[in-house]
Amino acid sequence: MARPKLTQNDLTVREQAQITTNAEENKVMTRHSLNGLAAQPVDLLDTEAVERRTMEYITDCMNSGTRVTPPGLALWLGINSADLKNWLTEIGTEEHRKAASRIYQFLHAAWADVLMGGKISPSAGMFLGKNWFGYREEQRIETAETVEKVKTLDELQKEAEALPDITIIETQKGGRK
């Protein structure tokens, strides 16, 4: 059974539906980011407040159908992405760093799920992995290093003296002897 041919009108309807879908998706994503922008900054030293805001962010992502991202969370917390990366070592108490580590691990897992689920291209996934989670490409070349002992002049002299005596026979150019 042959497939019916698409008419120009069918293609136009499909293209229009795609444009409408993209416009609706853009509205949802923009509204989601605006919600984060409108939120009052949270006290980063208050572990419970940070966790509460993080859960609000994740819940809004689920309700709006947007993806969980480190830049999105940073926006919702009222900080920039660089500050979010610094959480793990430089801000707050040990308790705060542990909470931040758990949150960052959640973001890392969400990124891996999207990547492994084929929701983004591998090259985009690598770009995000490098920028969000510090991944890097490197090649390791392992070589066996042999370090020879540098010999002193005295040692070289002794080796030369230990060589057997040889007689050097001079020949004429091009001739045999």
N, C-alpha and C. Protein backbone atom coordinates (compact mmCIF):
# COMPACT_ATOMS: atom_id res chain seq x y z
N MET A 1 0.85 -1.17 0.00
CA MET A 1 0.00 0.00 0.00
C MET A 1 0.90 1.24 0.00
N ALA A 2 0.68 2.13 -0.90
CA ALA A 2 1.51 3.33 -1.05
C ALA A 2 1.10 4.39 -0.03
N ARG A 3 2.11 5.14 0.39
CA ARG A 3 1.84 6.25 1.31
C ARG A 3 1.19 7.38 0.54
N PRO A 4 0.22 8.02 1.16
CA PRO A 4 -0.37 9.17 0.46
C PRO A 4 0.63 10.31 0.37
N LYS A 5 0.62 11.00 -0.75
CA LYS A 5 1.53 12.11 -0.94
C LYS A 5 1.04 13.32 -0.14
N LEU A 6 1.99 14.02 0.43
CA LEU A 6 1.65 15.23 1.17
C LEU A 6 1.51 16.39 0.20
N THR A 7 0.48 17.14 0.42
CA THR A 7 0.29 18.32 -0.41
C THR A 7 0.98 19.51 0.24
N GLN A 8 1.11 20.57 -0.50
CA GLN A 8 1.71 21.79 0.04
C GLN A 8 0.91 22.28 1.23
N ASN A 9 -0.40 22.14 1.18
CA ASN A 9 -1.26 22.57 2.28
C ASN A 9 -0.97 21.74 3.54
N ASP A 10 -0.76 20.41 3.37
CA ASP A 10 -0.43 19.55 4.52
C ASP A 10 0.88 20.01 5.17
N LEU A 11 1.88 20.32 4.34
CA LEU A 11 3.16 20.77 4.86
C LEU A 11 3.02 22.10 5.60
N THR A 12 2.24 23.00 5.06
CA THR A 12 2.03 24.30 5.69
C THR A 12 1.37 24.13 7.06
N VAL A 13 0.39 23.24 7.15
CA VAL A 13 -0.29 22.99 8.42
C VAL A 13 0.71 22.43 9.44
N ARG A 14 1.56 21.49 9.01
CA ARG A 14 2.56 20.92 9.91
C ARG A 14 3.56 21.98 10.37
N GLU A 15 4.03 22.80 9.44
CA GLU A 15 4.98 23.86 9.80
C GLU A 15 4.35 24.84 10.77
N GLN A 16 3.08 25.19 10.54
CA GLN A 16 2.39 26.13 11.43
C GLN A 16 2.25 25.52 12.83
N ALA A 17 1.95 24.23 12.90
CA ALA A 17 1.83 23.55 14.20
C ALA A 17 3.16 23.56 14.92
N GLN A 18 4.24 23.35 14.19
CA GLN A 18 5.57 23.37 14.79
C GLN A 18 5.90 24.76 15.33
N ILE A 19 5.58 25.80 14.56
CA ILE A 19 5.83 27.17 15.01
C ILE A 19 5.03 27.48 16.26
N THR A 20 3.78 27.05 16.29
CA THR A 20 2.92 27.29 17.45
C THR A 20 3.47 26.55 18.67
N THR A 21 3.90 25.30 18.48
CA THR A 21 4.47 24.52 19.58
C THR A 21 5.71 25.20 20.12
N ASN A 22 6.61 25.66 19.24
CA ASN A 22 7.82 26.33 19.69
C ASN A 22 7.49 27.60 20.47
N ALA A 23 6.50 28.36 20.00
CA ALA A 23 6.12 29.59 20.69
C ALA A 23 5.58 29.26 22.08
N GLU A 24 4.77 28.21 22.20
CA GLU A 24 4.24 27.81 23.51
C GLU A 24 5.35 27.34 24.43
N GLU A 25 6.29 26.54 23.90
CA GLU A 25 7.42 26.08 24.70
C GLU A 25 8.25 27.27 25.19
N ASN A 26 8.48 28.23 24.32
CA ASN A 26 9.24 29.42 24.71
C ASN A 26 8.55 30.18 25.83
N LYS A 27 7.21 30.27 25.76
CA LYS A 27 6.46 30.96 26.81
C LYS A 27 6.65 30.24 28.15
N VAL A 28 6.55 28.92 28.11
CA VAL A 28 6.69 28.12 29.34
C VAL A 28 8.08 28.31 29.94
N MET A 29 9.12 28.22 29.10
CA MET A 29 10.49 28.35 29.60
C MET A 29 10.76 29.76 30.12
N THR A 30 10.22 30.76 29.43
CA THR A 30 10.41 32.14 29.87
C THR A 30 9.68 32.38 31.19
N ARG A 31 8.47 31.87 31.32
CA ARG A 31 7.71 32.02 32.57
C ARG A 31 8.46 31.33 33.72
N HIS A 32 9.02 30.17 33.45
CA HIS A 32 9.79 29.43 34.46
C HIS A 32 10.98 30.27 34.94
N SER A 33 11.73 30.84 34.00
CA SER A 33 12.89 31.67 34.37
C SER A 33 12.45 32.94 35.10
N LEU A 34 11.34 33.53 34.67
CA LEU A 34 10.82 34.72 35.35
C LEU A 34 10.43 34.41 36.79
N ASN A 35 9.88 33.22 37.04
CA ASN A 35 9.56 32.83 38.41
C ASN A 35 10.82 32.82 39.27
N GLY A 36 11.91 32.33 38.72
CA GLY A 36 13.17 32.32 39.45
C GLY A 36 13.71 33.72 39.67
N LEU A 37 13.60 34.55 38.65
CA LEU A 37 14.08 35.92 38.76
C LEU A 37 13.27 36.71 39.79
N ALA A 38 11.99 36.43 39.88
CA ALA A 38 11.11 37.16 40.80
C ALA A 38 11.27 36.71 42.25
N ALA A 39 11.84 35.53 42.44
CA ALA A 39 12.01 35.01 43.81
C ALA A 39 13.04 35.84 44.56
N GLN A 40 12.80 36.02 45.84
CA GLN A 40 13.75 36.75 46.68
C GLN A 40 15.02 35.92 46.83
N PRO A 41 16.20 36.55 46.81
CA PRO A 41 17.43 35.77 47.02
C PRO A 41 17.38 35.04 48.36
N VAL A 42 18.00 33.90 48.39
CA VAL A 42 17.99 33.07 49.59
C VAL A 42 19.33 33.23 50.31
N ASP A 43 19.31 33.10 51.63
CA ASP A 43 20.53 33.16 52.43
C ASP A 43 21.30 31.85 52.22
N LEU A 44 22.43 31.93 51.54
CA LEU A 44 23.18 30.72 51.21
C LEU A 44 23.76 30.03 52.44
N LEU A 45 23.85 30.73 53.55
CA LEU A 45 24.37 30.13 54.77
C LEU A 45 23.27 29.39 55.55
N ASP A 46 22.02 29.54 55.11
CA ASP A 46 20.89 28.86 55.74
C ASP A 46 20.58 27.61 54.92
N THR A 47 21.11 26.48 55.37
CA THR A 47 21.00 25.23 54.63
C THR A 47 19.55 24.88 54.32
N GLU A 48 18.67 25.04 55.29
CA GLU A 48 17.26 24.68 55.07
C GLU A 48 16.63 25.57 54.01
N ALA A 49 16.97 26.87 54.02
CA ALA A 49 16.41 27.79 53.02
C ALA A 49 16.89 27.42 51.62
N VAL A 50 18.16 27.05 51.50
CA VAL A 50 18.72 26.65 50.21
C VAL A 50 18.02 25.38 49.71
N GLU A 51 17.85 24.41 50.59
CA GLU A 51 17.19 23.17 50.19
C GLU A 51 15.73 23.41 49.82
N ARG A 52 15.06 24.28 50.57
CA ARG A 52 13.66 24.61 50.27
C ARG A 52 13.55 25.24 48.88
N ARG A 53 14.41 26.22 48.59
CA ARG A 53 14.37 26.90 47.30
C ARG A 53 14.72 25.93 46.18
N THR A 54 15.67 25.05 46.44
CA THR A 54 16.04 24.05 45.43
C THR A 54 14.85 23.17 45.10
N MET A 55 14.11 22.76 46.12
CA MET A 55 12.93 21.93 45.89
C MET A 55 11.85 22.71 45.13
N GLU A 56 11.71 24.01 45.42
CA GLU A 56 10.76 24.83 44.67
C GLU A 56 11.15 24.87 43.20
N TYR A 57 12.45 25.02 42.95
CA TYR A 57 12.96 25.06 41.58
C TYR A 57 12.66 23.74 40.87
N ILE A 58 13.00 22.63 41.50
CA ILE A 58 12.80 21.33 40.87
C ILE A 58 11.32 21.09 40.63
N THR A 59 10.47 21.44 41.58
CA THR A 59 9.03 21.28 41.42
C THR A 59 8.52 22.12 40.26
N ASP A 60 8.99 23.37 40.15
CA ASP A 60 8.58 24.21 39.03
C ASP A 60 9.05 23.63 37.70
N CYS A 61 10.25 23.04 37.69
CA CYS A 61 10.73 22.37 36.47
C CYS A 61 9.79 21.23 36.08
N MET A 62 9.41 20.42 37.05
CA MET A 62 8.51 19.30 36.77
C MET A 62 7.15 19.80 36.28
N ASN A 63 6.61 20.82 36.93
CA ASN A 63 5.29 21.33 36.56
C ASN A 63 5.29 22.01 35.20
N SER A 64 6.38 22.67 34.86
CA SER A 64 6.44 23.40 33.59
C SER A 64 7.01 22.56 32.45
N GLY A 65 7.61 21.42 32.80
CA GLY A 65 8.21 20.58 31.76
C GLY A 65 9.57 21.07 31.30
N THR A 66 10.19 21.95 32.08
CA THR A 66 11.52 22.43 31.72
C THR A 66 12.58 21.54 32.36
N ARG A 67 13.78 21.64 31.87
CA ARG A 67 14.87 20.81 32.39
C ARG A 67 15.54 21.47 33.59
N VAL A 68 16.04 20.62 34.47
CA VAL A 68 16.79 21.07 35.64
C VAL A 68 18.21 21.36 35.17
N THR A 69 18.71 22.56 35.45
CA THR A 69 20.06 22.93 35.02
C THR A 69 20.75 23.72 36.12
N PRO A 70 22.09 23.66 36.19
CA PRO A 70 22.80 24.50 37.16
C PRO A 70 22.53 25.99 36.98
N PRO A 71 22.53 26.53 35.74
CA PRO A 71 22.22 27.96 35.62
C PRO A 71 20.80 28.30 36.09
N GLY A 72 19.86 27.39 35.84
CA GLY A 72 18.49 27.62 36.30
C GLY A 72 18.42 27.66 37.81
N LEU A 73 19.08 26.72 38.46
CA LEU A 73 19.08 26.71 39.93
C LEU A 73 19.75 27.96 40.48
N ALA A 74 20.86 28.35 39.86
CA ALA A 74 21.55 29.57 40.31
C ALA A 74 20.61 30.77 40.23
N LEU A 75 19.87 30.88 39.16
CA LEU A 75 18.91 31.98 39.02
C LEU A 75 17.89 31.94 40.15
N TRP A 76 17.36 30.77 40.43
CA TRP A 76 16.34 30.63 41.48
C TRP A 76 16.90 30.92 42.86
N LEU A 77 18.20 30.71 43.05
CA LEU A 77 18.82 31.00 44.35
C LEU A 77 19.29 32.45 44.45
N GLY A 78 19.23 33.18 43.34
CA GLY A 78 19.64 34.58 43.35
C GLY A 78 21.14 34.76 43.29
N ILE A 79 21.85 33.79 42.71
CA ILE A 79 23.30 33.87 42.58
C ILE A 79 23.68 33.63 41.12
N ASN A 80 24.96 33.75 40.81
CA ASN A 80 25.37 33.42 39.43
C ASN A 80 25.94 32.00 39.38
N SER A 81 26.16 31.53 38.17
CA SER A 81 26.62 30.14 37.99
C SER A 81 27.99 29.89 38.62
N ALA A 82 28.87 30.89 38.58
CA ALA A 82 30.21 30.72 39.17
C ALA A 82 30.09 30.51 40.69
N ASP A 83 29.19 31.28 41.33
CA ASP A 83 28.98 31.09 42.77
C ASP A 83 28.46 29.69 43.07
N LEU A 84 27.59 29.20 42.21
CA LEU A 84 27.05 27.85 42.41
C LEU A 84 28.18 26.82 42.40
N LYS A 85 29.12 26.94 41.49
CA LYS A 85 30.27 26.02 41.45
C LYS A 85 31.12 26.13 42.72
N ASN A 86 31.23 27.33 43.27
CA ASN A 86 32.07 27.56 44.44
C ASN A 86 31.44 27.02 45.74
N TRP A 87 30.19 26.68 45.70
CA TRP A 87 29.51 26.15 46.88
C TRP A 87 30.28 25.01 47.53
N LEU A 88 30.77 24.13 46.71
CA LEU A 88 31.30 22.87 47.22
C LEU A 88 32.52 23.05 48.10
N THR A 89 33.20 24.19 48.02
CA THR A 89 34.42 24.33 48.80
C THR A 89 34.54 25.64 49.57
N GLU A 90 33.87 26.68 49.12
CA GLU A 90 34.21 27.99 49.65
C GLU A 90 33.14 28.70 50.48
N ILE A 91 31.94 28.20 50.52
CA ILE A 91 30.87 28.97 51.17
C ILE A 91 30.29 28.18 52.33
N GLY A 92 30.12 28.85 53.45
CA GLY A 92 29.35 28.29 54.55
C GLY A 92 30.05 27.24 55.38
N THR A 93 29.22 26.58 56.15
CA THR A 93 29.70 25.57 57.09
C THR A 93 29.85 24.22 56.41
N GLU A 94 30.38 23.27 57.13
CA GLU A 94 30.52 21.91 56.59
C GLU A 94 29.14 21.34 56.25
N GLU A 95 28.16 21.61 57.10
CA GLU A 95 26.78 21.14 56.85
C GLU A 95 26.25 21.73 55.55
N HIS A 96 26.53 23.01 55.35
CA HIS A 96 26.08 23.67 54.13
C HIS A 96 26.74 23.05 52.90
N ARG A 97 28.04 22.78 52.98
CA ARG A 97 28.76 22.18 51.85
C ARG A 97 28.23 20.79 51.54
N LYS A 98 27.86 20.03 52.57
CA LYS A 98 27.28 18.71 52.33
C LYS A 98 25.96 18.82 51.60
N ALA A 99 25.12 19.76 52.01
CA ALA A 99 23.83 19.97 51.34
C ALA A 99 24.06 20.41 49.90
N ALA A 100 25.01 21.33 49.70
CA ALA A 100 25.31 21.81 48.36
C ALA A 100 25.81 20.67 47.48
N SER A 101 26.61 19.80 48.05
CA SER A 101 27.14 18.66 47.32
C SER A 101 26.01 17.74 46.86
N ARG A 102 25.05 17.50 47.74
CA ARG A 102 23.89 16.66 47.38
C ARG A 102 23.08 17.29 46.26
N ILE A 103 22.87 18.60 46.36
CA ILE A 103 22.10 19.31 45.34
C ILE A 103 22.84 19.27 44.00
N TYR A 104 24.14 19.52 44.05
CA TYR A 104 24.93 19.52 42.82
C TYR A 104 24.95 18.12 42.21
N GLN A 105 24.98 17.09 43.05
CA GLN A 105 24.94 15.72 42.53
C GLN A 105 23.61 15.44 41.85
N PHE A 106 22.52 15.99 42.39
CA PHE A 106 21.21 15.85 41.75
C PHE A 106 21.26 16.49 40.35
N LEU A 107 21.83 17.70 40.25
CA LEU A 107 21.94 18.37 38.95
C LEU A 107 22.77 17.54 37.98
N HIS A 108 23.84 16.96 38.49
CA HIS A 108 24.72 16.13 37.67
C HIS A 108 23.95 14.90 37.15
N ALA A 109 23.18 14.29 38.03
CA ALA A 109 22.39 13.11 37.64
C ALA A 109 21.33 13.50 36.60
N ALA A 110 20.69 14.64 36.78
CA ALA A 110 19.68 15.10 35.82
C ALA A 110 20.31 15.32 34.45
N TRP A 111 21.52 15.90 34.42
CA TRP A 111 22.23 16.10 33.16
C TRP A 111 22.53 14.75 32.50
N ALA A 112 23.01 13.81 33.30
CA ALA A 112 23.35 12.49 32.76
C ALA A 112 22.10 11.79 32.21
N ASP A 113 20.98 11.92 32.90
CA ASP A 113 19.73 11.31 32.44
C ASP A 113 19.31 11.87 31.09
N VAL A 114 19.40 13.19 30.94
CA VAL A 114 19.04 13.84 29.68
C VAL A 114 19.98 13.39 28.57
N LEU A 115 21.26 13.34 28.87
CA LEU A 115 22.25 12.94 27.88
C LEU A 115 22.06 11.48 27.48
N MET A 116 21.95 10.62 28.46
CA MET A 116 21.82 9.19 28.17
C MET A 116 20.47 8.85 27.55
N GLY A 117 19.47 9.66 27.82
CA GLY A 117 18.15 9.45 27.23
C GLY A 117 18.04 9.96 25.81
N GLY A 118 19.13 10.53 25.29
CA GLY A 118 19.12 11.01 23.91
C GLY A 118 18.34 12.30 23.71
N LYS A 119 18.10 13.03 24.78
CA LYS A 119 17.33 14.27 24.67
C LYS A 119 18.15 15.43 24.14
N ILE A 120 19.47 15.31 24.19
CA ILE A 120 20.35 16.31 23.61
C ILE A 120 21.45 15.58 22.84
N SER A 121 22.08 16.28 21.92
CA SER A 121 23.12 15.65 21.11
C SER A 121 24.36 15.38 21.97
N PRO A 122 25.15 14.39 21.59
CA PRO A 122 26.38 14.12 22.34
C PRO A 122 27.32 15.32 22.42
N SER A 123 27.43 16.09 21.33
CA SER A 123 28.33 17.24 21.37
C SER A 123 27.80 18.30 22.33
N ALA A 124 26.49 18.51 22.37
CA ALA A 124 25.92 19.46 23.33
C ALA A 124 26.12 18.93 24.75
N GLY A 125 25.96 17.62 24.93
CA GLY A 125 26.17 17.02 26.24
C GLY A 125 27.60 17.19 26.72
N MET A 126 28.56 17.02 25.82
CA MET A 126 29.97 17.21 26.20
C MET A 126 30.24 18.67 26.56
N PHE A 127 29.67 19.59 25.79
CA PHE A 127 29.84 21.01 26.07
C PHE A 127 29.31 21.34 27.47
N LEU A 128 28.11 20.86 27.77
CA LEU A 128 27.52 21.13 29.08
C LEU A 128 28.30 20.44 30.20
N GLY A 129 28.75 19.22 29.96
CA GLY A 129 29.54 18.51 30.96
C GLY A 129 30.82 19.25 31.31
N LYS A 130 31.46 19.81 30.31
CA LYS A 130 32.69 20.58 30.55
C LYS A 130 32.40 21.85 31.32
N ASN A 131 31.35 22.56 30.92
CA ASN A 131 31.06 23.85 31.52
C ASN A 131 30.35 23.76 32.86
N TRP A 132 29.51 22.77 33.05
CA TRP A 132 28.74 22.66 34.29
C TRP A 132 29.44 21.80 35.34
N PHE A 133 30.10 20.75 34.90
CA PHE A 133 30.60 19.77 35.87
C PHE A 133 32.11 19.54 35.80
N GLY A 134 32.80 20.35 35.03
CA GLY A 134 34.26 20.28 35.02
C GLY A 134 34.85 19.13 34.25
N TYR A 135 34.07 18.48 33.41
CA TYR A 135 34.64 17.42 32.59
C TYR A 135 35.68 18.04 31.66
N ARG A 136 36.63 17.22 31.24
CA ARG A 136 37.61 17.70 30.26
C ARG A 136 38.10 16.52 29.43
N GLU A 137 38.50 16.85 28.24
CA GLU A 137 39.06 15.83 27.37
C GLU A 137 40.56 15.82 27.56
N GLU A 138 41.10 14.67 27.72
CA GLU A 138 42.55 14.58 27.84
C GLU A 138 43.00 13.23 27.33
N GLN A 139 44.19 13.21 26.85
CA GLN A 139 44.81 11.96 26.44
C GLN A 139 45.98 11.71 27.37
N ARG A 140 46.03 10.52 27.85
CA ARG A 140 47.15 10.16 28.72
C ARG A 140 48.11 9.27 27.94
N ILE A 141 49.31 9.70 27.89
CA ILE A 141 50.34 8.91 27.24
C ILE A 141 51.33 8.50 28.32
N GLU A 142 51.38 7.20 28.53
CA GLU A 142 52.27 6.69 29.56
C GLU A 142 53.51 6.12 28.89
N THR A 143 54.64 6.53 29.36
CA THR A 143 55.88 6.03 28.81
C THR A 143 56.74 5.51 29.95
N ALA A 144 57.54 4.55 29.63
CA ALA A 144 58.49 4.05 30.62
C ALA A 144 59.73 4.91 30.48
N GLU A 145 60.03 5.61 31.49
CA GLU A 145 61.19 6.49 31.43
C GLU A 145 62.42 5.74 31.91
N THR A 146 63.46 5.77 31.09
CA THR A 146 64.73 5.21 31.50
C THR A 146 65.69 6.37 31.65
N VAL A 147 66.14 6.50 32.82
CA VAL A 147 67.07 7.59 33.09
C VAL A 147 68.45 6.99 33.17
N GLU A 148 69.29 7.44 32.24
CA GLU A 148 70.66 6.94 32.27
C GLU A 148 71.47 7.83 33.19
N LYS A 149 72.37 7.15 33.89
CA LYS A 149 73.24 7.89 34.79
C LYS A 149 74.24 8.68 33.95
N VAL A 150 74.40 9.92 34.29
CA VAL A 150 75.39 10.76 33.62
C VAL A 150 76.76 10.38 34.16
N LYS A 151 77.64 10.07 33.23
CA LYS A 151 78.96 9.61 33.65
C LYS A 151 79.92 10.78 33.77
N THR A 152 80.81 10.67 34.74
CA THR A 152 81.84 11.71 34.92
C THR A 152 82.99 11.44 33.95
N LEU A 153 83.84 12.42 33.80
CA LEU A 153 85.00 12.26 32.92
C LEU A 153 85.90 11.11 33.40
N ASP A 154 86.03 10.98 34.70
CA ASP A 154 86.87 9.89 35.24
C ASP A 154 86.30 8.53 34.85
N GLU A 155 84.98 8.38 34.96
CA GLU A 155 84.36 7.11 34.61
C GLU A 155 84.53 6.81 33.12
N LEU A 156 84.37 7.82 32.29
CA LEU A 156 84.55 7.62 30.85
C LEU A 156 86.00 7.23 30.53
N GLN A 157 86.95 7.84 31.23
CA GLN A 157 88.37 7.53 31.03
C GLN A 157 88.65 6.08 31.39
N LYS A 158 88.08 5.61 32.51
CA LYS A 158 88.29 4.22 32.94
C LYS A 158 87.70 3.25 31.92
N GLU A 159 86.51 3.58 31.38
CA GLU A 159 85.89 2.72 30.36
C GLU A 159 86.75 2.67 29.10
N ALA A 160 87.32 3.79 28.72
CA ALA A 160 88.16 3.84 27.52
C ALA A 160 89.42 3.00 27.73
N GLU A 161 89.99 3.06 28.90
CA GLU A 161 91.20 2.28 29.20
C GLU A 161 90.89 0.79 29.23
N ALA A 162 89.68 0.42 29.57
CA ALA A 162 89.31 -0.99 29.65
C ALA A 162 89.02 -1.60 28.28
N LEU A 163 88.91 -0.79 27.25
CA LEU A 163 88.64 -1.31 25.91
C LEU A 163 89.87 -2.07 25.41
N PRO A 164 89.66 -3.13 24.62
CA PRO A 164 90.82 -3.88 24.11
C PRO A 164 91.59 -3.05 23.09
N ASP A 165 92.90 -3.35 23.03
CA ASP A 165 93.74 -2.66 22.04
C ASP A 165 93.36 -3.18 20.67
N ILE A 166 93.27 -2.29 19.73
CA ILE A 166 92.97 -2.69 18.35
C ILE A 166 93.97 -2.03 17.43
N THR A 167 94.20 -2.65 16.33
CA THR A 167 95.09 -2.10 15.33
C THR A 167 94.24 -1.56 14.21
N ILE A 168 94.54 -0.36 13.83
CA ILE A 168 93.79 0.26 12.75
C ILE A 168 94.61 0.12 11.49
N ILE A 169 94.02 -0.44 10.47
CA ILE A 169 94.70 -0.61 9.19
C ILE A 169 94.17 0.44 8.24
N GLU A 170 95.06 1.24 7.74
CA GLU A 170 94.65 2.27 6.80
C GLU A 170 94.64 1.68 5.41
N THR A 171 93.67 2.07 4.65
CA THR A 171 93.58 1.63 3.26
C THR A 171 93.60 2.83 2.36
N GLN A 172 93.94 2.57 1.10
CA GLN A 172 93.88 3.66 0.14
C GLN A 172 92.44 3.82 -0.29
N LYS A 173 92.15 5.01 -0.75
CA LYS A 173 90.78 5.26 -1.18
C LYS A 173 90.43 4.31 -2.31
N GLY A 174 89.31 3.66 -2.12
CA GLY A 174 88.79 2.80 -3.16
C GLY A 174 89.57 1.52 -3.35
N GLY A 175 90.67 1.34 -2.67
CA GLY A 175 91.48 0.15 -2.86
C GLY A 175 91.22 -0.89 -1.78
N ARG A 176 91.74 -2.10 -2.07
CA ARG A 176 91.61 -3.17 -1.08
C ARG A 176 92.95 -3.55 -0.56
N LYS A 177 92.99 -4.06 0.59
CA LYS A 177 94.22 -4.53 1.19
C LYS A 177 94.06 -5.91 1.72
